[in-house]
Protein backbone atom coordinates (compact mmCIF):
# COMPACT_ATOMS: atom_id res chain seq x y z
CA MET A 1 172.92 -19.32 -65.05
CA PRO A 2 175.76 -22.06 -64.09
CA PRO A 3 177.95 -20.74 -61.61
CA THR A 4 181.03 -19.01 -62.30
CA SER A 5 182.72 -19.97 -59.15
CA CYS A 6 183.39 -23.20 -60.39
CA VAL A 7 185.42 -21.49 -62.68
CA ALA A 8 186.79 -19.42 -60.11
CA VAL A 9 188.71 -22.59 -58.68
CA ALA A 10 191.55 -22.14 -61.61
CA ALA A 11 192.10 -18.77 -60.49
CA LEU A 12 192.11 -19.74 -57.00
CA ALA A 13 194.80 -22.31 -58.00
CA VAL A 14 196.73 -19.46 -59.55
CA SER A 15 196.51 -17.60 -56.28
CA VAL A 16 197.76 -19.82 -54.07
CA ALA A 17 200.83 -20.04 -55.80
CA ALA A 18 201.46 -16.67 -55.08
CA TRP A 19 201.76 -17.31 -51.15
CA PRO A 20 205.12 -16.64 -49.68
CA ASP A 21 206.86 -19.90 -49.17
CA ALA A 22 210.14 -20.55 -47.61
CA ALA A 23 211.06 -23.58 -50.01
CA LEU A 24 210.62 -21.76 -53.15
CA ALA A 25 212.88 -24.66 -55.00
CA GLN A 26 209.57 -26.60 -54.18
CA VAL A 27 207.41 -24.35 -56.61
CA ASP A 28 206.73 -25.51 -60.14
CA LEU A 29 203.98 -23.19 -61.98
CA LEU A 30 204.93 -23.91 -65.72
CA SER A 31 207.18 -26.84 -66.90
CA ARG A 32 207.40 -30.05 -68.91
CA ASP A 33 206.18 -31.38 -65.99
CA THR A 34 202.83 -29.43 -65.13
CA VAL A 35 201.24 -29.06 -68.54
CA HIS A 36 199.81 -32.25 -70.43
CA GLY A 37 197.44 -32.17 -72.90
CA VAL A 38 195.18 -34.72 -74.56
CA VAL A 39 193.74 -35.13 -78.16
CA ASP A 40 191.27 -37.18 -79.35
CA LEU A 41 190.81 -37.93 -83.27
CA ARG A 42 187.68 -39.79 -83.51
CA ALA A 43 186.30 -41.46 -86.82
CA ALA A 44 183.20 -43.72 -85.90
CA GLY A 45 180.01 -45.19 -87.57
CA ALA A 46 176.71 -46.02 -86.03
CA ASN A 47 173.15 -47.19 -86.96
CA GLY A 48 169.67 -47.24 -85.00
CA GLU A 49 168.17 -44.46 -83.49
CA PRO A 50 169.33 -40.47 -82.99
CA SER A 51 171.69 -40.10 -80.37
CA PHE A 52 170.52 -37.89 -77.28
CA THR A 53 173.14 -35.73 -78.55
CA ASP A 54 170.33 -35.08 -80.70
CA GLU A 55 167.69 -34.71 -78.57
CA GLY A 56 166.94 -38.62 -79.23
CA PHE A 57 166.60 -41.64 -76.92
CA GLY A 58 170.15 -43.04 -78.41
CA LYS A 59 172.52 -44.72 -75.57
CA SER A 60 175.66 -43.41 -77.56
CA ARG A 61 177.27 -40.22 -78.63
CA TYR A 62 177.08 -41.36 -82.15
CA GLY A 63 173.64 -42.70 -83.61
CA GLY A 64 171.77 -43.45 -86.92
CA THR A 65 169.72 -41.64 -89.16
CA LYS A 66 166.09 -40.89 -88.95
CA ASP A 67 165.88 -43.91 -90.67
CA HIS A 68 168.17 -46.08 -88.38
CA GLY A 69 170.49 -46.48 -90.93
CA TRP A 70 174.40 -46.43 -91.05
CA LYS A 71 175.75 -42.56 -90.24
CA GLY A 72 179.47 -41.93 -90.11
CA LYS A 73 181.64 -39.04 -87.94
CA VAL A 74 184.92 -38.12 -88.38
CA GLU A 75 186.16 -35.21 -85.53
CA VAL A 76 188.10 -34.23 -82.64
CA ALA A 77 186.31 -35.62 -80.21
CA GLU A 78 188.22 -34.07 -77.29
CA ALA A 79 191.38 -31.47 -76.86
CA ALA A 80 191.99 -30.90 -73.57
CA LEU A 81 195.01 -29.17 -71.53
CA GLU A 82 195.42 -30.17 -67.81
CA TRP A 83 197.86 -27.85 -65.68
CA THR A 84 199.74 -29.69 -62.74
CA PRO A 85 201.19 -26.86 -60.84
CA ARG A 86 203.43 -27.65 -57.53
CA LEU A 87 202.68 -24.81 -55.57
CA ALA A 88 204.52 -25.76 -52.63
CA TRP A 89 206.65 -29.24 -50.98
CA ASP A 90 202.60 -29.90 -49.82
CA TRP A 91 200.76 -28.31 -52.25
CA SER A 92 199.82 -28.59 -55.94
CA ALA A 93 196.67 -27.95 -58.51
CA VAL A 94 194.82 -29.93 -61.45
CA VAL A 95 192.86 -27.79 -63.86
CA ASP A 96 191.47 -29.30 -66.86
CA VAL A 97 190.34 -27.24 -69.82
CA GLY A 98 188.79 -28.98 -72.80
CA TYR A 99 187.35 -28.79 -75.97
CA GLN A 100 184.17 -31.17 -76.69
CA PRO A 101 182.09 -30.74 -80.08
CA GLY A 102 178.47 -30.83 -79.57
CA GLN A 103 178.12 -29.10 -76.78
CA GLU A 104 176.64 -25.69 -75.50
CA LYS A 105 180.28 -24.62 -74.36
CA ARG A 106 182.76 -26.29 -76.89
CA LEU A 107 185.98 -25.04 -74.62
CA ASP A 108 184.80 -24.84 -70.79
CA VAL A 109 186.63 -26.11 -67.47
CA LEU A 110 186.15 -30.12 -66.71
CA GLN A 111 188.04 -30.22 -63.45
CA ALA A 112 189.71 -27.64 -61.15
CA TYR A 113 191.04 -28.26 -57.77
CA ILE A 114 193.78 -27.66 -55.30
CA VAL A 115 195.59 -30.88 -53.46
CA PHE A 116 197.08 -31.19 -50.03
CA LYS A 117 199.10 -34.24 -49.76
CA PRO A 118 201.97 -34.06 -47.24
CA VAL A 119 204.63 -36.68 -47.17
CA PRO A 120 204.02 -39.36 -45.00
CA ARG A 121 206.13 -39.92 -41.46
CA SER A 122 204.25 -43.11 -40.68
CA GLN A 123 202.30 -45.92 -41.88
CA THR A 124 199.20 -43.42 -42.26
CA ARG A 125 198.90 -41.25 -44.92
CA PHE A 126 196.72 -38.33 -45.35
CA LYS A 127 195.27 -36.46 -48.52
CA ALA A 128 192.82 -33.78 -49.01
CA ARG A 129 191.50 -31.56 -52.23
CA PHE A 130 189.32 -28.63 -52.46
CA GLY A 131 187.54 -27.22 -55.79
CA TYR A 132 185.72 -28.70 -58.56
CA PHE A 133 186.10 -32.28 -59.32
CA TYR A 134 184.35 -35.83 -59.83
CA PRO A 135 184.12 -38.15 -56.49
CA PRO A 136 185.94 -41.06 -56.24
CA VAL A 137 183.12 -43.56 -58.24
CA SER A 138 185.01 -44.65 -61.35
CA LEU A 139 187.49 -47.97 -61.20
CA GLU A 140 187.50 -46.99 -65.00
CA HIS A 141 189.19 -43.38 -65.09
CA ASP A 142 192.81 -43.37 -64.74
CA ALA A 143 194.04 -41.90 -67.35
CA ARG A 144 194.63 -37.61 -67.64
CA VAL A 145 192.08 -35.69 -68.37
CA TRP A 146 189.78 -37.98 -66.23
CA GLY A 147 190.22 -40.61 -69.34
CA LEU A 148 190.16 -44.30 -69.83
CA THR A 149 193.54 -46.31 -70.89
CA ASN A 150 192.09 -49.20 -72.94
CA THR A 151 188.99 -48.43 -74.09
CA ILE A 152 187.03 -45.32 -75.55
CA THR A 153 183.59 -45.82 -74.17
CA PRO A 154 183.30 -46.43 -70.66
CA SER A 155 180.85 -48.14 -68.64
CA ALA A 156 177.06 -47.15 -68.38
CA ILE A 157 178.08 -46.47 -64.46
CA ASN A 158 180.92 -44.24 -65.30
CA SER A 159 179.32 -42.71 -68.58
CA TRP A 160 176.51 -41.55 -66.00
CA ALA A 161 178.94 -39.98 -63.54
CA GLY A 162 180.73 -38.16 -66.06
CA GLU A 163 177.39 -36.68 -66.86
CA GLU A 164 175.93 -35.96 -63.58
CA VAL A 165 178.40 -36.74 -60.42
CA LYS A 166 180.66 -33.72 -60.27
CA VAL A 167 180.88 -31.24 -57.50
CA VAL A 168 182.17 -28.61 -55.79
CA GLY A 169 183.78 -28.88 -52.93
CA ALA A 170 185.89 -30.64 -50.40
CA GLU A 171 187.46 -34.03 -49.42
CA ALA A 172 189.56 -35.64 -47.72
CA GLU A 173 191.15 -39.21 -47.83
CA VAL A 174 193.03 -41.32 -44.59
CA SER A 175 195.30 -44.58 -45.47
CA HIS A 176 196.48 -47.38 -42.89
CA ASP A 177 198.85 -50.07 -43.64
CA PHE A 178 198.66 -52.95 -41.65
CA GLY A 179 201.65 -54.98 -42.69
CA ALA A 180 200.89 -56.27 -46.02
CA GLN A 181 196.99 -54.96 -46.21
CA GLN A 182 195.84 -51.39 -46.51
CA LEU A 183 192.41 -49.67 -45.72
CA ALA A 184 191.73 -46.21 -46.95
CA ALA A 185 188.49 -44.24 -45.52
CA THR A 186 187.56 -41.02 -47.80
CA ALA A 187 184.94 -38.61 -47.25
CA GLY A 188 183.26 -35.17 -48.72
CA LEU A 189 181.01 -32.52 -48.66
CA PHE A 190 179.79 -30.35 -51.75
CA GLY A 191 177.39 -28.37 -53.52
CA TYR A 192 176.48 -27.58 -56.86
CA ASP A 193 175.72 -31.12 -57.75
CA ASP A 194 171.69 -30.67 -57.75
CA THR A 195 170.19 -31.33 -60.80
CA ALA A 196 172.27 -34.76 -60.62
CA GLY A 197 169.11 -37.46 -61.39
CA THR A 198 167.75 -35.59 -64.50
CA LEU A 199 168.75 -37.34 -67.17
CA ILE A 200 168.94 -40.67 -65.48
CA ALA A 201 164.96 -40.24 -65.46
CA PHE A 202 164.10 -38.40 -68.45
CA ARG A 203 166.85 -39.75 -70.76
CA GLY A 204 167.84 -43.14 -68.76
CA TRP A 205 171.20 -44.67 -69.03
CA ALA A 206 173.59 -44.35 -72.02
CA LEU A 207 177.19 -45.14 -72.70
CA HIS A 208 179.39 -42.42 -74.00
CA ASP A 209 182.50 -40.56 -73.52
CA LEU A 210 181.25 -36.75 -73.01
CA LYS A 211 182.12 -35.23 -69.49
CA SER A 212 180.03 -32.21 -67.99
CA GLN A 213 181.25 -29.09 -67.87
CA ALA A 214 181.58 -25.62 -65.78
CA GLN A 215 179.23 -23.55 -67.67
CA GLY A 216 177.59 -26.71 -69.68
CA ARG A 217 174.37 -28.21 -69.93
CA PHE A 218 172.39 -31.31 -71.40
CA GLU A 219 169.27 -31.82 -73.72
CA LEU A 220 166.80 -33.55 -72.59
CA PRO A 221 164.92 -36.20 -75.08
CA PRO A 222 161.18 -35.22 -75.82
CA LEU A 223 159.32 -35.09 -72.78
CA SER A 224 155.86 -36.20 -71.88
CA PRO A 225 152.99 -33.54 -71.53
CA ILE A 226 153.01 -34.07 -68.11
CA ALA A 227 156.64 -33.67 -67.63
CA ARG A 228 156.71 -30.47 -69.88
CA LEU A 229 154.54 -28.90 -67.50
CA PHE A 230 156.86 -29.01 -64.54
CA GLN A 231 160.91 -29.67 -66.34
CA ASP A 232 162.82 -27.77 -69.10
CA THR A 233 164.09 -29.28 -72.09
CA GLU A 234 167.66 -29.43 -70.88
CA THR A 235 169.47 -29.73 -67.85
CA TYR A 236 172.65 -27.81 -66.22
CA SER A 237 175.49 -29.96 -65.33
CA THR A 238 176.51 -27.89 -62.32
CA LEU A 239 174.09 -25.65 -60.34
CA GLU A 240 173.25 -25.30 -57.15
CA ILE A 241 169.71 -24.49 -56.13
CA ASP A 242 168.84 -25.35 -52.49
CA HIS A 243 172.08 -24.57 -50.91
CA ARG A 244 172.52 -27.59 -49.10
CA LEU A 245 175.44 -29.70 -48.91
CA GLY A 246 175.64 -33.33 -49.76
CA TRP A 247 178.17 -35.50 -48.88
CA TYR A 248 179.67 -38.84 -49.79
CA ALA A 249 182.01 -41.56 -47.97
CA LYS A 250 183.96 -44.26 -49.34
CA LEU A 251 185.78 -47.01 -47.64
CA GLU A 252 188.43 -49.02 -49.96
CA TRP A 253 190.35 -52.64 -49.03
CA ARG A 254 193.53 -54.11 -50.53
CA PRO A 255 194.31 -56.96 -48.79
CA ASP A 256 197.33 -59.22 -49.06
CA ALA A 257 196.52 -60.24 -52.48
CA PRO A 258 196.28 -58.07 -56.16
CA VAL A 259 192.77 -57.12 -55.08
CA THR A 260 190.91 -53.96 -54.58
CA VAL A 261 187.38 -54.15 -53.13
CA GLU A 262 185.59 -50.61 -52.47
CA ALA A 263 182.21 -49.58 -51.35
CA LEU A 264 181.13 -46.00 -51.79
CA TYR A 265 177.80 -44.14 -50.57
CA PHE A 266 176.67 -40.53 -52.39
CA ASP A 267 174.02 -38.27 -51.44
CA ASN A 268 173.37 -34.95 -52.78
CA ARG A 269 170.56 -34.06 -50.11
CA GLY A 270 168.93 -32.24 -52.96
CA ASP A 271 165.61 -30.29 -51.26
CA ARG A 272 163.38 -31.98 -54.03
CA THR A 273 160.86 -29.38 -53.75
CA ARG A 274 163.65 -26.08 -54.82
CA VAL A 275 162.95 -25.61 -58.24
CA THR A 276 164.43 -22.15 -60.09
CA SER A 277 162.22 -19.91 -62.34
CA ASP A 278 163.07 -21.99 -65.51
CA LEU A 279 162.25 -25.31 -63.90
CA GLN A 280 165.43 -26.90 -63.06
CA TRP A 281 164.65 -29.06 -60.02
CA ALA A 282 167.05 -29.67 -56.90
CA TRP A 283 166.49 -33.59 -57.10
CA ALA A 284 167.24 -35.72 -54.37
CA THR A 285 169.73 -38.51 -55.61
CA HIS A 286 171.35 -40.86 -53.43
CA PHE A 287 173.39 -44.39 -54.52
CA VAL A 288 175.20 -47.06 -53.14
CA ASP A 289 177.99 -48.10 -55.49
CA LEU A 290 180.44 -51.35 -55.26
CA GLY A 291 183.66 -51.91 -57.01
CA ALA A 292 186.35 -54.52 -57.12
CA THR A 293 189.57 -54.90 -59.30
CA ALA A 294 192.00 -57.92 -59.38
CA ARG A 295 194.75 -58.73 -61.10
CA LEU A 296 194.71 -62.52 -62.37
CA GLY A 297 198.14 -62.51 -64.25
CA PRO A 298 200.84 -59.83 -65.03
CA HIS A 299 198.94 -59.23 -68.31
CA THR A 300 195.38 -59.58 -67.19
CA ARG A 301 193.33 -57.36 -65.11
CA VAL A 302 189.35 -57.61 -64.29
CA LEU A 303 187.12 -54.72 -62.90
CA GLY A 304 183.33 -54.78 -61.97
CA GLN A 305 181.09 -52.15 -60.48
CA ALA A 306 177.37 -52.35 -59.39
CA LEU A 307 175.12 -49.26 -58.51
CA SER A 308 171.74 -48.81 -56.87
CA GLY A 309 170.23 -45.50 -56.17
CA ARG A 310 167.01 -43.31 -56.44
CA THR A 311 166.02 -39.72 -58.11
CA ILE A 312 162.99 -37.67 -56.31
CA ILE A 313 161.37 -34.34 -56.91
CA GLY A 314 158.02 -33.06 -55.35
CA LYS A 315 156.59 -32.71 -52.27
CA ARG A 316 155.95 -35.88 -50.37
CA THR A 317 152.68 -35.80 -50.58
CA PHE A 318 152.55 -34.83 -54.23
CA VAL A 319 155.94 -36.84 -56.05
CA LEU A 320 156.39 -35.84 -59.69
CA THR A 321 158.91 -38.15 -60.27
CA ASP A 322 160.32 -41.16 -58.69
CA VAL A 323 163.12 -42.88 -60.23
CA ALA A 324 165.11 -45.70 -58.81
CA PHE A 325 168.13 -47.35 -60.72
CA GLN A 326 170.61 -49.98 -61.39
CA ALA A 327 173.79 -50.99 -63.26
CA ALA A 328 176.00 -52.89 -63.36
CA TYR A 329 179.33 -54.35 -65.36
CA ALA A 330 182.43 -56.65 -65.48
CA GLU A 331 185.34 -56.01 -67.66
CA LEU A 332 188.34 -57.84 -68.71
CA ALA A 333 191.52 -56.63 -70.25
CA GLN A 334 194.50 -58.70 -71.54
CA ASP A 335 197.84 -57.76 -72.79
CA VAL A 336 198.95 -59.44 -75.80
CA GLY A 337 202.11 -58.40 -76.86
CA LYS A 338 202.17 -54.51 -77.08
CA ALA A 339 198.21 -54.43 -77.61
CA THR A 340 195.61 -54.63 -75.17
CA LEU A 341 192.37 -56.67 -75.57
CA SER A 342 189.66 -55.40 -73.44
CA GLY A 343 186.29 -56.89 -73.39
CA ARG A 344 182.87 -55.35 -71.19
CA LEU A 345 179.20 -56.26 -70.29
CA ASP A 346 176.80 -53.88 -69.08
CA ALA A 347 173.41 -54.45 -68.15
CA PHE A 348 171.12 -51.14 -66.68
CA ALA A 349 167.47 -50.66 -65.69
CA THR A 350 165.51 -48.48 -64.33
CA GLN A 351 161.73 -48.18 -62.50
CA ASP A 352 159.65 -45.10 -62.52
CA ARG A 353 157.82 -45.24 -58.97
CA ALA A 354 155.71 -42.02 -59.11
CA PRO A 355 152.04 -41.99 -58.77
CA LEU A 356 151.22 -40.74 -61.66
CA PRO A 357 154.86 -41.82 -64.04
CA PRO A 358 155.52 -38.67 -66.06
CA VAL A 359 158.50 -40.51 -67.09
CA GLY A 360 157.16 -44.08 -68.07
CA PRO A 361 157.49 -47.21 -66.73
CA GLY A 362 161.02 -46.95 -66.82
CA GLU A 363 163.82 -49.10 -68.66
CA HIS A 364 165.89 -52.26 -69.11
CA GLY A 365 169.15 -53.00 -71.16
CA TRP A 366 172.78 -54.38 -71.70
CA ALA A 367 175.65 -53.56 -73.68
CA LEU A 368 178.63 -55.25 -74.77
CA THR A 369 181.61 -53.80 -75.99
CA GLY A 370 185.00 -54.97 -77.30
CA ALA A 371 188.06 -52.77 -77.58
CA VAL A 372 191.78 -53.12 -78.32
CA ARG A 373 194.59 -50.78 -77.65
CA TYR A 374 197.66 -50.49 -79.96
CA PRO A 375 200.46 -48.20 -78.38
CA LEU A 376 202.36 -46.44 -81.32
CA ASN A 377 205.01 -44.69 -79.21
CA ASP A 378 204.78 -43.15 -75.67
CA TYR A 379 202.82 -40.41 -76.91
CA LEU A 380 200.35 -41.79 -79.16
CA ASP A 381 197.97 -44.84 -79.63
CA LEU A 382 195.44 -46.58 -81.51
CA ARG A 383 192.14 -47.58 -80.42
CA LEU A 384 189.35 -49.98 -82.18
CA GLU A 385 185.92 -50.43 -80.68
CA ALA A 386 182.82 -52.25 -81.21
CA LEU A 387 179.72 -51.25 -79.20
CA ARG A 388 176.41 -52.95 -78.98
CA ILE A 389 173.50 -51.63 -76.85
CA GLU A 390 170.23 -53.18 -76.69
CA SER A 391 167.53 -51.81 -74.28
CA THR A 392 163.79 -51.43 -74.16
CA ARG A 393 162.34 -47.88 -72.93
CA PRO A 394 158.63 -47.21 -73.29
CA SER A 395 158.85 -43.74 -73.59
CA ARG A 396 160.14 -43.87 -76.89
CA ALA A 397 156.73 -43.96 -78.30
CA LEU A 398 156.64 -39.96 -77.33
CA VAL A 399 158.49 -39.73 -80.92
CA GLY A 400 156.57 -42.63 -82.62
CA GLU A 401 159.70 -45.13 -81.90
CA PRO A 402 159.64 -48.84 -80.86
CA PRO A 403 160.20 -49.23 -77.16
CA ARG A 404 163.07 -51.90 -78.17
CA GLN A 405 166.05 -50.63 -79.85
CA GLY A 406 169.08 -51.98 -81.05
CA GLN A 407 172.11 -50.12 -81.98
CA THR A 408 175.79 -50.88 -83.09
CA VAL A 409 178.74 -48.45 -82.77
CA LEU A 410 182.09 -48.57 -84.26
CA GLN A 411 184.65 -46.51 -83.22
CA SER A 412 188.60 -45.75 -84.11
CA SER A 413 190.61 -43.56 -82.04
CA LEU A 414 193.60 -42.09 -82.49
CA ARG A 415 194.68 -40.23 -79.17
CA LEU A 416 197.56 -38.06 -78.34
CA THR A 417 198.74 -37.87 -74.85
CA PHE A 418 201.32 -35.60 -73.44
């Protein structure tokens, strides 16, 4: 059911490499500079309710037992290859293929896109990319294979971006240096993100490091009797239903200071009345995202984001689901010798605005994350993380759980990057 055209983007990158080019010396398809990888060996223990990965309402990748006791797990949490061939002087590509346990397709394409980046000849720079990729939402994902540098678990905002905010489309960025300042504008047109909003509506926010796949899907927690009449029990990550283009636009300002401020608007322009035979909907989902990063010194970094949006399905005269959602976080990272200590505070909420709410009256909660990263050598680092999540969601009553739940997750990650 999910489109095979997403996977075909990887083949497109290979075909572009076969184009005749006068500067053949600039072509680099397979070398130590074009093949990279990530392997994450994870040990985790968690208490509280079962995770959403086990069809529960738990908000972390790992959950507790049925009686909310502690449950441990050791696994390869991710194993991925990233291919970054240079196709010509101005053209390159990125293809990420990853293994993630617990997904329907354990091995699948995570991203596949072509990049056009000409050499700048003035204070104005241009860059474009085409294919299957994450829009520029996250401030946290700055490592290979859309990974994190310091923590194990991203914020609620960027966990959701990893699940439901990935597109097949085209993006262009123009930046200009005004002396010591820089202003950049980015715009994108896309499809294959019609189901974005399903998870945030029926499960709510979560904090985890799973990434959506070209052919993958996520299971939903138990649905209410009303919701089961019109919604499937799973949602596909990459799906085109209404054949309408969505768009996003972003502005980024870097003043004469170690600060970056950005604002992004995203709208998938979902039809909201189009539905497949197996009850996958074209959700009308839009949001505004504000972000900022700042360096308070050579070893101290602060970043934060705030996001507010809305997602709807159903006719204007008969709305089936209408959910507003908000989240924000602030994170501080401090270098201490070779180690980096990180702390983050998240807050999140949703509100069900439908006349006859099939989801419930929303949720609210917070999360506190503390992590330490210690590089063992140029390729290997050790990360330790403690995560506490508190949330109230009335729909937990569907499985006989109290609306208010708390959960602690302790994780270690031995991460190889090459």
